[in-house]
């Protein structure tokens, strides 16, 4: 009989989008209250607003690219410096 795998928090894991996880009401409440506690801070409000602004500017840029207003910039040539003497 093979041994069950053991969880190691130092390793990376993967799962599929169809996989389901279950949690107790206590676990759900803990996660919910922790998240609410974090996102209710003034710092989190600023970060969430900044993320919303970033999404907005990305949408505007995407439309501008699609409309041909904004074009990809050519790569700048790499400047080589002389070694220090």
Protein backbone atom coordinates (compact mmCIF):
# COMPACT_ATOMS: atom_id res chain seq x y z
CA UNK A 1 0.00 0.00 0.00
CA UNK A 2 1.48 3.36 -1.02
CA UNK A 3 1.83 6.20 1.45
CA UNK A 4 -0.48 9.22 1.10
CA UNK A 5 1.23 12.38 -0.13
CA UNK A 6 1.96 14.91 2.60
CA UNK A 7 1.45 18.65 2.21
CA UNK A 8 4.65 20.71 2.25
CA UNK A 9 3.99 24.49 2.39
CA UNK A 10 7.40 25.18 0.83
CA UNK A 11 6.41 23.43 -2.42
CA UNK A 12 4.25 24.69 -5.27
CA UNK A 13 1.05 22.83 -6.09
CA UNK A 14 -1.41 22.92 -8.96
CA UNK A 15 -5.03 21.94 -9.55
CA UNK A 16 -7.56 22.22 -12.30
CA UNK A 17 -10.33 24.80 -12.65
CA UNK A 18 -12.94 22.05 -12.22
CA UNK A 19 -11.49 20.81 -8.90
CA UNK A 20 -13.51 21.61 -5.81
CA UNK A 21 -12.47 22.31 -2.25
CA UNK A 22 -14.72 22.21 0.78
CA UNK A 23 -14.44 24.16 3.99
CA UNK A 24 -16.38 24.40 7.19
CA UNK A 25 -18.46 27.40 8.16
CA UNK A 26 -15.81 28.25 10.73
CA UNK A 27 -13.07 28.22 8.09
CA UNK A 28 -15.20 30.29 5.71
CA UNK A 29 -15.93 32.83 8.45
CA UNK A 30 -12.26 33.10 9.33
CA UNK A 31 -11.25 33.77 5.72
CA UNK A 32 -14.15 36.16 5.13
CA UNK A 33 -13.44 38.20 8.28
CA UNK A 34 -9.70 38.28 7.57
CA UNK A 35 -10.28 39.56 4.03
CA UNK A 36 -12.83 42.12 5.18
CA UNK A 37 -10.41 43.31 7.85
CA UNK A 38 -7.67 43.84 5.29
CA UNK A 39 -9.73 45.47 2.55
CA UNK A 40 -11.44 47.86 4.97
CA UNK A 41 -8.16 49.64 5.76
CA UNK A 42 -7.37 53.01 4.14
CA UNK A 43 -4.23 51.52 2.55
CA UNK A 44 -6.23 48.76 0.90
CA UNK A 45 -8.78 51.27 -0.35
CA UNK A 46 -5.99 53.21 -2.08
CA UNK A 47 -4.55 50.04 -3.59
CA UNK A 48 -7.96 48.86 -4.82
CA UNK A 49 -8.58 52.28 -6.36
CA UNK A 50 -5.15 52.21 -7.99
CA UNK A 51 -5.88 48.73 -9.41
CA UNK A 52 -9.19 49.98 -10.80
CA UNK A 53 -7.39 52.95 -12.36
CA UNK A 54 -4.78 50.63 -13.88
CA UNK A 55 -7.54 48.46 -15.39
CA UNK A 56 -9.20 51.58 -16.79
CA UNK A 57 -6.01 52.87 -18.42
CA UNK A 58 -5.30 49.38 -19.81
CA UNK A 59 -8.76 49.34 -21.43
CA UNK A 60 -8.20 52.81 -22.90
CA UNK A 61 -4.76 51.80 -24.21
CA UNK A 62 -6.14 48.55 -25.69
CA UNK A 63 -8.81 50.47 -27.61
CA UNK A 64 -6.24 53.03 -28.76
CA UNK A 65 -3.99 50.22 -30.04
CA UNK A 66 -6.91 48.53 -31.81
CA UNK A 67 -7.87 51.88 -33.38
CA UNK A 68 -4.29 52.50 -34.54
CA UNK A 69 -3.85 55.61 -32.38
CA UNK A 70 -1.15 54.01 -30.24
CA UNK A 71 1.56 51.87 -31.85
CA UNK A 72 4.25 49.70 -30.34
CA UNK A 73 7.49 51.59 -29.74
CA UNK A 74 10.60 50.23 -31.43
CA UNK A 75 13.18 48.68 -29.16
CA UNK A 76 15.84 51.10 -28.09
CA UNK A 77 19.38 50.05 -28.99
CA UNK A 78 21.42 48.78 -26.08
CA UNK A 79 24.15 51.18 -25.06
CA UNK A 80 27.43 49.58 -24.18
CA UNK A 81 29.60 51.25 -21.59
CA UNK A 82 33.32 51.05 -21.43
CA UNK A 83 34.76 49.15 -18.49
CA UNK A 84 36.09 51.31 -15.68
CA UNK A 85 39.85 51.61 -15.59
